[in-house]
Amino acid sequence: MNSDNEPYTSAMFPLSAVVFPSTALPMRIFEPRYQQLMSDLLSGDEELQFAISPIVRGREVGGGDERLEVATMCKLAQVMVQPTGEYTFLALGQRRVRIIEWLEDDPYPQAVVVDATENDELPPLADIAHEINRVEKVLIQLGAEVPDHLPLVDGDERLAAFRLAGMVPISDLDRQAILLSDDPSDRLRRFSQALDDLEAVLKFREA
């Protein structure tokens, strides 16, 4: 992270999934160019991290995809090398970054990025509590495990929509829209609308 918020170069991992700040995603690396990325990270002195860039169109393997202009910088934890040469680890979402320029793959994707700015407006605590209650009900409908307590994301309202969106199966388009937004209140509104759609689907299935 650049304390002066100046552009910097980061290794990138285009993925057909969205990882939000404050959420985690188990990953498995099998493509040779990304195995090289992992080898470079593990052999270097810098922090183990790369940015996960959601794919808008195309496939993860082989390149030629269209990527979102905002990505999530992720720290790597529990890294293990398998006998096959594959890597497994947890990608821990840290912060949003905005992509300024994609560089040539050499051999893996890289880009010039800058840490994304955030608007100051925070969603009201009552609105967050309402969405938490809705998420609990949806998880029950899905037969999923409901945490004993859904915390207010360590007291940081900026992360509320990210954390809640990571708990329920809303669409990839909705996830991308939430990640793109610089406004914490707007993100919560977008999540609420996505949850409306999910609730409608669940209601239809039960009919």
N, C-alpha and C. Protein backbone atom coordinates (compact mmCIF):
# COMPACT_ATOMS: atom_id res chain seq x y z
N MET A 1 0.85 -1.20 0.00
CA MET A 1 0.00 0.00 0.00
C MET A 1 0.88 1.24 0.00
N ASN A 2 0.54 2.20 -0.81
CA ASN A 2 1.30 3.44 -0.91
C ASN A 2 0.66 4.49 -0.03
N SER A 3 1.39 4.92 1.01
CA SER A 3 0.83 5.87 1.97
C SER A 3 0.50 7.20 1.32
N ASP A 4 1.18 7.56 0.23
CA ASP A 4 0.90 8.81 -0.47
C ASP A 4 -0.16 8.63 -1.56
N ASN A 5 -0.71 7.44 -1.65
CA ASN A 5 -1.73 7.10 -2.64
C ASN A 5 -1.25 7.39 -4.06
N GLU A 6 -0.01 7.03 -4.32
CA GLU A 6 0.54 7.14 -5.66
C GLU A 6 0.40 5.80 -6.38
N PRO A 7 0.38 5.81 -7.72
CA PRO A 7 0.27 4.56 -8.47
C PRO A 7 1.46 3.64 -8.20
N TYR A 8 1.21 2.36 -8.26
CA TYR A 8 2.27 1.36 -8.09
C TYR A 8 1.91 0.14 -8.92
N THR A 9 2.90 -0.71 -9.16
CA THR A 9 2.70 -1.90 -9.98
C THR A 9 2.39 -3.09 -9.09
N SER A 10 1.40 -3.86 -9.50
CA SER A 10 1.00 -5.04 -8.73
C SER A 10 0.79 -6.23 -9.65
N ALA A 11 1.14 -7.41 -9.15
CA ALA A 11 0.73 -8.63 -9.83
C ALA A 11 -0.79 -8.75 -9.73
N MET A 12 -1.39 -9.29 -10.78
CA MET A 12 -2.85 -9.36 -10.86
C MET A 12 -3.30 -10.80 -11.11
N PHE A 13 -4.46 -11.12 -10.59
CA PHE A 13 -5.05 -12.44 -10.83
C PHE A 13 -6.49 -12.26 -11.29
N PRO A 14 -6.75 -12.26 -12.60
CA PRO A 14 -8.13 -12.19 -13.09
C PRO A 14 -8.90 -13.44 -12.67
N LEU A 15 -10.10 -13.23 -12.16
CA LEU A 15 -10.87 -14.34 -11.61
C LEU A 15 -12.36 -14.11 -11.89
N SER A 16 -13.08 -15.18 -12.11
CA SER A 16 -14.51 -15.07 -12.39
C SER A 16 -15.32 -14.99 -11.10
N ALA A 17 -14.72 -14.50 -10.06
CA ALA A 17 -15.39 -14.31 -8.77
C ALA A 17 -14.94 -12.97 -8.21
N VAL A 18 -15.74 -12.44 -7.29
CA VAL A 18 -15.41 -11.17 -6.64
C VAL A 18 -14.98 -11.47 -5.21
N VAL A 19 -13.82 -10.95 -4.83
CA VAL A 19 -13.38 -11.00 -3.44
C VAL A 19 -13.49 -9.59 -2.89
N PHE A 20 -14.21 -9.44 -1.79
CA PHE A 20 -14.38 -8.13 -1.19
C PHE A 20 -13.34 -7.89 -0.10
N PRO A 21 -13.01 -6.63 0.17
CA PRO A 21 -12.22 -6.33 1.37
C PRO A 21 -12.92 -6.90 2.60
N SER A 22 -12.17 -7.50 3.49
CA SER A 22 -12.63 -8.11 4.74
C SER A 22 -13.25 -9.48 4.55
N THR A 23 -13.18 -10.05 3.34
CA THR A 23 -13.66 -11.41 3.13
C THR A 23 -12.50 -12.29 2.66
N ALA A 24 -12.70 -13.59 2.66
CA ALA A 24 -11.64 -14.53 2.29
C ALA A 24 -12.14 -15.50 1.23
N LEU A 25 -11.21 -15.96 0.39
CA LEU A 25 -11.55 -16.93 -0.66
C LEU A 25 -10.47 -18.00 -0.73
N PRO A 26 -10.83 -19.29 -0.55
CA PRO A 26 -9.84 -20.36 -0.75
C PRO A 26 -9.50 -20.45 -2.24
N MET A 27 -8.22 -20.60 -2.55
CA MET A 27 -7.81 -20.64 -3.95
C MET A 27 -6.84 -21.79 -4.20
N ARG A 28 -6.84 -22.23 -5.46
CA ARG A 28 -5.91 -23.27 -5.91
C ARG A 28 -5.30 -22.81 -7.22
N ILE A 29 -3.98 -22.79 -7.28
CA ILE A 29 -3.25 -22.31 -8.46
C ILE A 29 -2.67 -23.51 -9.21
N PHE A 30 -3.09 -23.66 -10.47
CA PHE A 30 -2.58 -24.78 -11.28
C PHE A 30 -2.02 -24.33 -12.62
N GLU A 31 -2.39 -23.13 -13.09
CA GLU A 31 -1.91 -22.65 -14.38
C GLU A 31 -0.44 -22.23 -14.24
N PRO A 32 0.44 -22.65 -15.17
CA PRO A 32 1.88 -22.41 -15.02
C PRO A 32 2.26 -20.96 -14.77
N ARG A 33 1.63 -20.01 -15.45
CA ARG A 33 2.04 -18.61 -15.27
C ARG A 33 1.73 -18.12 -13.86
N TYR A 34 0.66 -18.64 -13.26
CA TYR A 34 0.34 -18.22 -11.89
C TYR A 34 1.15 -19.01 -10.86
N GLN A 35 1.58 -20.21 -11.24
CA GLN A 35 2.55 -20.91 -10.39
C GLN A 35 3.86 -20.12 -10.34
N GLN A 36 4.23 -19.52 -11.49
CA GLN A 36 5.41 -18.66 -11.51
C GLN A 36 5.20 -17.44 -10.63
N LEU A 37 4.00 -16.86 -10.66
CA LEU A 37 3.68 -15.73 -9.79
C LEU A 37 3.87 -16.12 -8.33
N MET A 38 3.36 -17.27 -7.94
CA MET A 38 3.50 -17.70 -6.55
C MET A 38 4.96 -17.92 -6.19
N SER A 39 5.71 -18.51 -7.11
CA SER A 39 7.14 -18.73 -6.87
C SER A 39 7.87 -17.41 -6.68
N ASP A 40 7.54 -16.41 -7.51
CA ASP A 40 8.17 -15.09 -7.39
C ASP A 40 7.83 -14.44 -6.06
N LEU A 41 6.56 -14.54 -5.65
CA LEU A 41 6.15 -13.94 -4.39
C LEU A 41 6.85 -14.59 -3.21
N LEU A 42 6.93 -15.91 -3.23
CA LEU A 42 7.51 -16.64 -2.10
C LEU A 42 9.02 -16.46 -2.01
N SER A 43 9.66 -16.18 -3.14
CA SER A 43 11.11 -16.02 -3.14
C SER A 43 11.54 -14.57 -2.89
N GLY A 44 10.59 -13.66 -2.88
CA GLY A 44 10.91 -12.25 -2.68
C GLY A 44 10.82 -11.82 -1.23
N ASP A 45 11.17 -10.57 -0.99
CA ASP A 45 11.15 -10.01 0.36
C ASP A 45 9.88 -9.21 0.65
N GLU A 46 9.07 -8.99 -0.38
CA GLU A 46 7.89 -8.17 -0.19
C GLU A 46 6.73 -9.00 0.37
N GLU A 47 5.68 -8.29 0.79
CA GLU A 47 4.50 -8.94 1.35
C GLU A 47 3.85 -9.85 0.32
N LEU A 48 3.34 -11.00 0.80
CA LEU A 48 2.66 -11.94 -0.08
C LEU A 48 1.28 -11.40 -0.42
N GLN A 49 1.17 -10.76 -1.57
CA GLN A 49 -0.12 -10.22 -1.96
C GLN A 49 -0.18 -10.03 -3.47
N PHE A 50 -1.38 -10.10 -4.00
CA PHE A 50 -1.66 -9.69 -5.38
C PHE A 50 -3.10 -9.21 -5.42
N ALA A 51 -3.47 -8.58 -6.54
CA ALA A 51 -4.83 -8.05 -6.67
C ALA A 51 -5.68 -9.00 -7.50
N ILE A 52 -6.86 -9.31 -7.00
CA ILE A 52 -7.80 -10.14 -7.75
C ILE A 52 -8.74 -9.23 -8.53
N SER A 53 -8.71 -9.40 -9.85
CA SER A 53 -9.50 -8.56 -10.76
C SER A 53 -10.68 -9.37 -11.29
N PRO A 54 -11.92 -8.99 -10.97
CA PRO A 54 -13.07 -9.75 -11.47
C PRO A 54 -13.15 -9.71 -13.00
N ILE A 55 -13.45 -10.87 -13.58
CA ILE A 55 -13.62 -10.97 -15.03
C ILE A 55 -15.06 -10.63 -15.38
N VAL A 56 -15.22 -9.68 -16.29
CA VAL A 56 -16.56 -9.28 -16.75
C VAL A 56 -17.03 -10.21 -17.87
N ARG A 57 -16.13 -10.51 -18.80
CA ARG A 57 -16.44 -11.43 -19.89
C ARG A 57 -15.20 -12.26 -20.19
N GLY A 58 -15.43 -13.52 -20.59
CA GLY A 58 -14.30 -14.37 -20.93
C GLY A 58 -14.04 -15.42 -19.87
N ARG A 59 -12.89 -16.07 -20.01
CA ARG A 59 -12.54 -17.19 -19.14
C ARG A 59 -11.27 -16.88 -18.37
N GLU A 60 -11.12 -17.59 -17.24
CA GLU A 60 -9.94 -17.39 -16.40
C GLU A 60 -8.68 -17.92 -17.07
N VAL A 61 -8.79 -19.06 -17.72
CA VAL A 61 -7.62 -19.75 -18.26
C VAL A 61 -7.33 -19.26 -19.68
N GLY A 62 -6.08 -18.89 -19.92
CA GLY A 62 -5.64 -18.58 -21.28
C GLY A 62 -5.65 -17.12 -21.67
N GLY A 63 -6.26 -16.25 -20.86
CA GLY A 63 -6.26 -14.82 -21.18
C GLY A 63 -7.37 -14.45 -22.15
N GLY A 64 -7.30 -13.22 -22.69
CA GLY A 64 -8.29 -12.74 -23.64
C GLY A 64 -9.60 -12.35 -23.00
N ASP A 65 -9.59 -12.10 -21.70
CA ASP A 65 -10.82 -11.77 -20.98
C ASP A 65 -10.97 -10.26 -20.83
N GLU A 66 -12.19 -9.83 -20.47
CA GLU A 66 -12.45 -8.43 -20.15
C GLU A 66 -12.57 -8.30 -18.64
N ARG A 67 -11.86 -7.33 -18.08
CA ARG A 67 -11.74 -7.26 -16.62
C ARG A 67 -12.32 -5.97 -16.07
N LEU A 68 -12.83 -6.06 -14.84
CA LEU A 68 -13.37 -4.90 -14.15
C LEU A 68 -12.25 -3.90 -13.87
N GLU A 69 -12.60 -2.61 -13.81
CA GLU A 69 -11.57 -1.58 -13.59
C GLU A 69 -11.20 -1.41 -12.12
N VAL A 70 -11.89 -2.11 -11.25
CA VAL A 70 -11.55 -2.10 -9.82
C VAL A 70 -11.25 -3.53 -9.39
N ALA A 71 -10.20 -3.70 -8.61
CA ALA A 71 -9.80 -5.02 -8.12
C ALA A 71 -9.66 -4.95 -6.60
N THR A 72 -9.41 -6.11 -6.00
CA THR A 72 -9.22 -6.18 -4.55
C THR A 72 -7.82 -6.68 -4.25
N MET A 73 -7.04 -5.88 -3.53
CA MET A 73 -5.72 -6.31 -3.11
C MET A 73 -5.90 -7.35 -2.00
N CYS A 74 -5.25 -8.50 -2.19
CA CYS A 74 -5.42 -9.61 -1.26
C CYS A 74 -4.09 -10.05 -0.67
N LYS A 75 -4.11 -10.31 0.62
CA LYS A 75 -2.97 -10.90 1.30
C LYS A 75 -3.14 -12.42 1.26
N LEU A 76 -2.04 -13.14 1.07
CA LEU A 76 -2.10 -14.60 0.98
C LEU A 76 -1.75 -15.22 2.33
N ALA A 77 -2.56 -16.17 2.76
CA ALA A 77 -2.35 -16.85 4.03
C ALA A 77 -2.49 -18.36 3.84
N GLN A 78 -1.88 -19.11 4.74
CA GLN A 78 -1.96 -20.58 4.72
C GLN A 78 -1.52 -21.15 3.37
N VAL A 79 -0.42 -20.61 2.85
CA VAL A 79 0.08 -21.05 1.55
C VAL A 79 0.71 -22.44 1.67
N MET A 80 0.29 -23.35 0.80
CA MET A 80 0.84 -24.70 0.77
C MET A 80 1.15 -25.09 -0.67
N VAL A 81 2.27 -25.79 -0.85
CA VAL A 81 2.64 -26.32 -2.17
C VAL A 81 2.31 -27.80 -2.19
N GLN A 82 1.50 -28.20 -3.16
CA GLN A 82 1.09 -29.59 -3.27
C GLN A 82 2.13 -30.39 -4.05
N PRO A 83 2.14 -31.73 -3.90
CA PRO A 83 3.09 -32.57 -4.64
C PRO A 83 3.00 -32.38 -6.16
N THR A 84 1.84 -31.98 -6.65
CA THR A 84 1.65 -31.76 -8.09
C THR A 84 2.24 -30.44 -8.57
N GLY A 85 2.71 -29.61 -7.62
CA GLY A 85 3.20 -28.28 -7.97
C GLY A 85 2.14 -27.20 -7.85
N GLU A 86 0.91 -27.60 -7.56
CA GLU A 86 -0.16 -26.63 -7.36
C GLU A 86 0.01 -25.94 -6.02
N TYR A 87 -0.52 -24.73 -5.93
CA TYR A 87 -0.51 -23.97 -4.69
C TYR A 87 -1.94 -23.83 -4.18
N THR A 88 -2.10 -23.97 -2.88
CA THR A 88 -3.39 -23.67 -2.25
C THR A 88 -3.15 -22.63 -1.16
N PHE A 89 -4.12 -21.76 -0.98
CA PHE A 89 -3.98 -20.69 0.02
C PHE A 89 -5.32 -20.00 0.21
N LEU A 90 -5.36 -19.12 1.19
CA LEU A 90 -6.51 -18.24 1.40
C LEU A 90 -6.15 -16.85 0.90
N ALA A 91 -7.01 -16.28 0.07
CA ALA A 91 -6.85 -14.89 -0.35
C ALA A 91 -7.69 -14.02 0.57
N LEU A 92 -7.05 -13.16 1.34
CA LEU A 92 -7.73 -12.32 2.31
C LEU A 92 -7.86 -10.91 1.75
N GLY A 93 -9.08 -10.50 1.43
CA GLY A 93 -9.30 -9.18 0.85
C GLY A 93 -8.90 -8.06 1.79
N GLN A 94 -8.08 -7.12 1.30
CA GLN A 94 -7.56 -6.04 2.13
C GLN A 94 -8.18 -4.68 1.78
N ARG A 95 -8.15 -4.32 0.51
CA ARG A 95 -8.61 -2.98 0.10
C ARG A 95 -8.89 -2.99 -1.40
N ARG A 96 -9.67 -2.01 -1.84
CA ARG A 96 -9.95 -1.87 -3.27
C ARG A 96 -8.83 -1.08 -3.94
N VAL A 97 -8.51 -1.46 -5.16
CA VAL A 97 -7.56 -0.69 -5.97
C VAL A 97 -8.19 -0.43 -7.33
N ARG A 98 -7.89 0.72 -7.88
CA ARG A 98 -8.39 1.08 -9.20
C ARG A 98 -7.27 0.89 -10.22
N ILE A 99 -7.59 0.22 -11.32
CA ILE A 99 -6.58 -0.11 -12.32
C ILE A 99 -6.39 1.07 -13.27
N ILE A 100 -5.15 1.53 -13.37
CA ILE A 100 -4.82 2.64 -14.25
C ILE A 100 -4.39 2.13 -15.63
N GLU A 101 -3.57 1.09 -15.63
CA GLU A 101 -3.05 0.57 -16.90
C GLU A 101 -2.66 -0.89 -16.74
N TRP A 102 -3.11 -1.71 -17.68
CA TRP A 102 -2.65 -3.09 -17.72
C TRP A 102 -1.31 -3.16 -18.44
N LEU A 103 -0.38 -3.93 -17.88
CA LEU A 103 0.93 -4.13 -18.49
C LEU A 103 0.95 -5.46 -19.24
N GLU A 104 2.01 -5.69 -19.98
CA GLU A 104 2.14 -6.96 -20.70
C GLU A 104 2.29 -8.11 -19.70
N ASP A 105 1.65 -9.24 -20.01
CA ASP A 105 1.84 -10.44 -19.20
C ASP A 105 3.29 -10.90 -19.33
N ASP A 106 3.98 -11.05 -18.20
CA ASP A 106 5.40 -11.42 -18.27
C ASP A 106 5.82 -12.25 -17.05
N PRO A 107 5.42 -13.50 -16.95
CA PRO A 107 4.46 -14.21 -17.82
C PRO A 107 3.01 -14.08 -17.33
N TYR A 108 2.84 -13.49 -16.13
CA TYR A 108 1.50 -13.36 -15.55
C TYR A 108 1.04 -11.90 -15.62
N PRO A 109 -0.25 -11.66 -15.49
CA PRO A 109 -0.76 -10.29 -15.59
C PRO A 109 -0.21 -9.36 -14.51
N GLN A 110 0.05 -8.13 -14.90
CA GLN A 110 0.45 -7.08 -13.97
C GLN A 110 -0.25 -5.79 -14.40
N ALA A 111 -0.39 -4.88 -13.46
CA ALA A 111 -1.05 -3.62 -13.78
C ALA A 111 -0.53 -2.52 -12.88
N VAL A 112 -0.64 -1.29 -13.37
CA VAL A 112 -0.39 -0.12 -12.54
C VAL A 112 -1.72 0.21 -11.86
N VAL A 113 -1.70 0.29 -10.54
CA VAL A 113 -2.93 0.51 -9.78
C VAL A 113 -2.73 1.64 -8.79
N VAL A 114 -3.84 2.13 -8.26
CA VAL A 114 -3.80 3.11 -7.19
C VAL A 114 -4.88 2.72 -6.19
N ASP A 115 -4.62 2.92 -4.92
CA ASP A 115 -5.62 2.59 -3.91
C ASP A 115 -6.88 3.42 -4.13
N ALA A 116 -8.02 2.77 -4.16
CA ALA A 116 -9.28 3.44 -4.45
C ALA A 116 -9.67 4.38 -3.31
N THR A 117 -10.22 5.52 -3.68
CA THR A 117 -10.67 6.48 -2.68
C THR A 117 -12.07 6.11 -2.20
N GLU A 118 -12.43 6.61 -1.02
CA GLU A 118 -13.73 6.33 -0.43
C GLU A 118 -14.43 7.64 -0.09
N ASN A 119 -15.73 7.72 -0.36
CA ASN A 119 -16.51 8.86 0.10
C ASN A 119 -16.68 8.78 1.62
N ASP A 120 -16.92 9.93 2.23
CA ASP A 120 -17.00 9.99 3.69
C ASP A 120 -18.35 9.56 4.24
N GLU A 121 -19.39 9.60 3.41
CA GLU A 121 -20.73 9.28 3.91
C GLU A 121 -20.82 7.82 4.33
N LEU A 122 -21.25 7.58 5.56
CA LEU A 122 -21.39 6.21 6.07
C LEU A 122 -22.86 5.85 6.20
N PRO A 123 -23.20 4.59 5.98
CA PRO A 123 -24.60 4.19 6.12
C PRO A 123 -25.02 4.22 7.59
N PRO A 124 -26.26 4.58 7.88
CA PRO A 124 -26.74 4.59 9.26
C PRO A 124 -26.67 3.19 9.88
N LEU A 125 -26.36 3.14 11.16
CA LEU A 125 -26.26 1.85 11.84
C LEU A 125 -27.59 1.10 11.78
N ALA A 126 -28.69 1.83 11.83
CA ALA A 126 -30.00 1.17 11.78
C ALA A 126 -30.20 0.45 10.45
N ASP A 127 -29.72 1.05 9.36
CA ASP A 127 -29.84 0.41 8.04
C ASP A 127 -29.00 -0.86 7.98
N ILE A 128 -27.81 -0.79 8.55
CA ILE A 128 -26.94 -1.98 8.56
C ILE A 128 -27.59 -3.09 9.38
N ALA A 129 -28.13 -2.73 10.55
CA ALA A 129 -28.78 -3.72 11.41
C ALA A 129 -29.95 -4.38 10.68
N HIS A 130 -30.69 -3.59 9.90
CA HIS A 130 -31.82 -4.13 9.14
C HIS A 130 -31.34 -5.16 8.11
N GLU A 131 -30.25 -4.84 7.42
CA GLU A 131 -29.73 -5.77 6.42
C GLU A 131 -29.16 -7.02 7.07
N ILE A 132 -28.55 -6.88 8.23
CA ILE A 132 -28.04 -8.04 8.96
C ILE A 132 -29.20 -8.98 9.29
N ASN A 133 -30.30 -8.43 9.74
CA ASN A 133 -31.47 -9.24 10.08
C ASN A 133 -32.00 -9.97 8.85
N ARG A 134 -32.01 -9.28 7.71
CA ARG A 134 -32.45 -9.92 6.46
C ARG A 134 -31.51 -11.05 6.04
N VAL A 135 -30.21 -10.82 6.20
CA VAL A 135 -29.24 -11.85 5.84
C VAL A 135 -29.44 -13.09 6.70
N GLU A 136 -29.67 -12.91 7.97
CA GLU A 136 -29.90 -14.06 8.85
C GLU A 136 -31.09 -14.88 8.38
N LYS A 137 -32.17 -14.21 7.99
CA LYS A 137 -33.36 -14.92 7.52
C LYS A 137 -33.09 -15.65 6.21
N VAL A 138 -32.34 -15.03 5.31
CA VAL A 138 -32.01 -15.67 4.04
C VAL A 138 -31.14 -16.90 4.27
N LEU A 139 -30.18 -16.81 5.16
CA LEU A 139 -29.32 -17.96 5.46
C LEU A 139 -30.14 -19.12 6.00
N ILE A 140 -31.13 -18.81 6.83
CA ILE A 140 -32.01 -19.86 7.35
C ILE A 140 -32.79 -20.50 6.21
N GLN A 141 -33.31 -19.68 5.30
CA GLN A 141 -34.05 -20.21 4.14
C GLN A 141 -33.17 -21.10 3.27
N LEU A 142 -31.91 -20.74 3.16
CA LEU A 142 -30.98 -21.51 2.34
C LEU A 142 -30.48 -22.77 3.04
N GLY A 143 -30.79 -22.89 4.32
CA GLY A 143 -30.28 -24.02 5.09
C GLY A 143 -28.81 -23.90 5.41
N ALA A 144 -28.31 -22.68 5.35
CA ALA A 144 -26.89 -22.44 5.63
C ALA A 144 -26.69 -22.16 7.12
N GLU A 145 -25.45 -22.30 7.54
CA GLU A 145 -25.13 -22.03 8.94
C GLU A 145 -25.23 -20.53 9.21
N VAL A 146 -25.91 -20.20 10.29
CA VAL A 146 -26.07 -18.80 10.68
C VAL A 146 -25.13 -18.53 11.85
N PRO A 147 -24.21 -17.59 11.70
CA PRO A 147 -23.31 -17.26 12.82
C PRO A 147 -24.11 -16.84 14.05
N ASP A 148 -23.57 -17.13 15.23
CA ASP A 148 -24.24 -16.73 16.47
C ASP A 148 -24.41 -15.22 16.52
N HIS A 149 -23.46 -14.53 15.92
CA HIS A 149 -23.53 -13.07 15.95
C HIS A 149 -22.89 -12.53 14.69
N LEU A 150 -23.61 -11.67 14.00
CA LEU A 150 -23.05 -11.01 12.82
C LEU A 150 -22.55 -9.64 13.24
N PRO A 151 -21.26 -9.50 13.49
CA PRO A 151 -20.74 -8.23 13.99
C PRO A 151 -20.83 -7.12 12.95
N LEU A 152 -20.80 -5.91 13.43
CA LEU A 152 -20.83 -4.74 12.54
C LEU A 152 -19.44 -4.53 11.93
N VAL A 153 -18.87 -5.61 11.42
CA VAL A 153 -17.59 -5.55 10.73
C VAL A 153 -16.57 -4.77 11.55
N ASP A 154 -16.39 -5.19 12.78
CA ASP A 154 -15.40 -4.56 13.66
C ASP A 154 -15.66 -3.06 13.82
N GLY A 155 -16.92 -2.67 13.72
CA GLY A 155 -17.26 -1.27 13.93
C GLY A 155 -16.98 -0.38 12.74
N ASP A 156 -16.61 -0.94 11.61
CA ASP A 156 -16.30 -0.14 10.43
C ASP A 156 -17.45 -0.22 9.44
N GLU A 157 -18.29 0.80 9.43
CA GLU A 157 -19.47 0.78 8.56
C GLU A 157 -19.10 0.75 7.08
N ARG A 158 -17.89 1.19 6.74
CA ARG A 158 -17.47 1.19 5.33
C ARG A 158 -17.47 -0.22 4.74
N LEU A 159 -17.25 -1.22 5.60
CA LEU A 159 -17.10 -2.59 5.12
C LEU A 159 -18.39 -3.39 5.20
N ALA A 160 -19.46 -2.80 5.70
CA ALA A 160 -20.68 -3.55 5.97
C ALA A 160 -21.21 -4.27 4.74
N ALA A 161 -21.36 -3.55 3.63
CA ALA A 161 -21.91 -4.16 2.42
C ALA A 161 -21.01 -5.27 1.91
N PHE A 162 -19.70 -5.07 1.98
CA PHE A 162 -18.75 -6.10 1.54
C PHE A 162 -18.95 -7.38 2.35
N ARG A 163 -18.97 -7.22 3.66
CA ARG A 163 -19.06 -8.38 4.54
C ARG A 163 -20.38 -9.13 4.34
N LEU A 164 -21.47 -8.39 4.23
CA LEU A 164 -22.77 -9.03 4.06
C LEU A 164 -22.90 -9.68 2.68
N ALA A 165 -22.38 -9.01 1.65
CA ALA A 165 -22.45 -9.57 0.29
C ALA A 165 -21.65 -10.85 0.17
N GLY A 166 -20.63 -10.99 1.01
CA GLY A 166 -19.82 -12.19 0.98
C GLY A 166 -20.48 -13.39 1.63
N MET A 167 -21.65 -13.17 2.25
CA MET A 167 -22.31 -14.25 2.99
C MET A 167 -23.47 -14.89 2.25
N VAL A 168 -23.96 -14.25 1.20
CA VAL A 168 -25.15 -14.76 0.51
C VAL A 168 -24.90 -14.82 -1.00
N PRO A 169 -25.61 -15.72 -1.70
CA PRO A 169 -25.35 -15.94 -3.14
C PRO A 169 -26.07 -14.94 -4.05
N ILE A 170 -25.65 -13.68 -3.99
CA ILE A 170 -26.17 -12.70 -4.94
C ILE A 170 -25.41 -12.86 -6.25
N SER A 171 -25.89 -12.22 -7.31
CA SER A 171 -25.30 -12.42 -8.64
C SER A 171 -23.92 -11.79 -8.76
N ASP A 172 -23.14 -12.27 -9.73
CA ASP A 172 -21.82 -11.70 -9.97
C ASP A 172 -21.92 -10.23 -10.39
N LEU A 173 -22.95 -9.90 -11.18
CA LEU A 173 -23.12 -8.50 -11.59
C LEU A 173 -23.36 -7.60 -10.38
N ASP A 174 -24.15 -8.08 -9.43
CA ASP A 174 -24.39 -7.30 -8.22
C ASP A 174 -23.11 -7.17 -7.40
N ARG A 175 -22.35 -8.23 -7.32
CA ARG A 175 -21.08 -8.18 -6.58
C ARG A 175 -20.13 -7.17 -7.22
N GLN A 176 -20.06 -7.19 -8.54
CA GLN A 176 -19.17 -6.25 -9.23
C GLN A 176 -19.61 -4.82 -9.01
N ALA A 177 -20.92 -4.57 -9.04
CA ALA A 177 -21.43 -3.22 -8.82
C ALA A 177 -21.11 -2.73 -7.42
N ILE A 178 -21.19 -3.60 -6.44
CA ILE A 178 -20.85 -3.23 -5.06
C ILE A 178 -19.37 -2.91 -4.95
N LEU A 179 -18.53 -3.74 -5.58
CA LEU A 179 -17.08 -3.50 -5.52
C LEU A 179 -16.70 -2.19 -6.21
N LEU A 180 -17.40 -1.85 -7.28
CA LEU A 180 -17.07 -0.64 -8.03
C LEU A 180 -17.36 0.65 -7.26
N SER A 181 -18.34 0.61 -6.37
CA SER A 181 -18.82 1.84 -5.73
C SER A 181 -17.83 2.37 -4.70
N ASP A 182 -17.58 3.69 -4.77
CA ASP A 182 -16.70 4.37 -3.81
C ASP A 182 -17.47 4.87 -2.59
N ASP A 183 -18.78 4.67 -2.57
CA ASP A 183 -19.64 5.25 -1.54
C ASP A 183 -20.19 4.14 -0.64
N PRO A 184 -19.80 4.09 0.64
CA PRO A 184 -20.27 3.03 1.53
C PRO A 184 -21.80 2.95 1.63
N SER A 185 -22.47 4.11 1.63
CA SER A 185 -23.94 4.10 1.70
C SER A 185 -24.54 3.55 0.42
N ASP A 186 -23.96 3.94 -0.72
CA ASP A 186 -24.43 3.41 -2.01
C ASP A 186 -24.21 1.91 -2.08
N ARG A 187 -23.08 1.44 -1.56
CA ARG A 187 -22.81 0.00 -1.56
C ARG A 187 -23.89 -0.76 -0.79
N LEU A 188 -24.28 -0.22 0.37
CA LEU A 188 -25.30 -0.89 1.16
C LEU A 188 -26.64 -0.88 0.43
N ARG A 189 -26.95 0.22 -0.25
CA ARG A 189 -28.19 0.26 -1.03
C ARG A 189 -28.17 -0.77 -2.16
N ARG A 190 -27.04 -0.87 -2.82
CA ARG A 190 -26.92 -1.86 -3.90
C ARG A 190 -27.05 -3.28 -3.35
N PHE A 191 -26.45 -3.51 -2.19
CA PHE A 191 -26.59 -4.83 -1.58
C PHE A 191 -28.04 -5.11 -1.23
N SER A 192 -28.73 -4.12 -0.67
CA SER A 192 -30.13 -4.29 -0.30
C SER A 192 -30.98 -4.66 -1.51
N GLN A 193 -30.72 -4.01 -2.65
CA GLN A 193 -31.46 -4.32 -3.87
C GLN A 193 -31.15 -5.74 -4.36
N ALA A 194 -29.88 -6.13 -4.25
CA ALA A 194 -29.50 -7.49 -4.65
C ALA A 194 -30.17 -8.52 -3.75
N LEU A 195 -30.28 -8.19 -2.47
CA LEU A 195 -30.93 -9.10 -1.53
C LEU A 195 -32.42 -9.19 -1.82
N ASP A 196 -33.02 -8.09 -2.27
CA ASP A 196 -34.42 -8.12 -2.71
C ASP A 196 -34.60 -9.18 -3.80
N ASP A 197 -33.70 -9.17 -4.78
CA ASP A 197 -33.78 -10.12 -5.89
C ASP A 197 -33.62 -11.56 -5.39
N LEU A 198 -32.68 -11.77 -4.48
CA LEU A 198 -32.46 -13.12 -3.95
C LEU A 198 -33.69 -13.59 -3.16
N GLU A 199 -34.26 -12.71 -2.36
CA GLU A 199 -35.46 -13.07 -1.60
C GLU A 199 -36.61 -13.43 -2.54
N ALA A 200 -36.74 -12.71 -3.65
CA ALA A 200 -37.79 -13.00 -4.62
C ALA A 200 -37.61 -14.39 -5.23
N VAL A 201 -36.36 -14.75 -5.54
CA VAL A 201 -36.07 -16.07 -6.08
C VAL A 201 -36.43 -17.15 -5.07
N LEU A 202 -36.04 -16.95 -3.82
CA LEU A 202 -36.33 -17.94 -2.78
C LEU A 202 -37.83 -18.08 -2.56
N LYS A 203 -38.54 -16.97 -2.61
CA LYS A 203 -39.99 -17.01 -2.45
C LYS A 203 -40.64 -17.77 -3.60
N PHE A 204 -40.14 -17.57 -4.81
CA PHE A 204 -40.67 -18.28 -5.98
C PHE A 204 -40.44 -19.79 -5.84
N ARG A 205 -39.29 -20.17 -5.36
CA ARG A 205 -38.97 -21.60 -5.20
C ARG A 205 -39.88 -22.26 -4.18
N GLU A 206 -40.26 -21.50 -3.17
CA GLU A 206 -41.10 -22.07 -2.11
C GLU A 206 -42.57 -22.13 -2.50
N ALA A 207 -42.93 -21.40 -3.57
CA ALA A 207 -44.35 -21.33 -3.96
C ALA A 207 -44.84 -22.67 -4.54
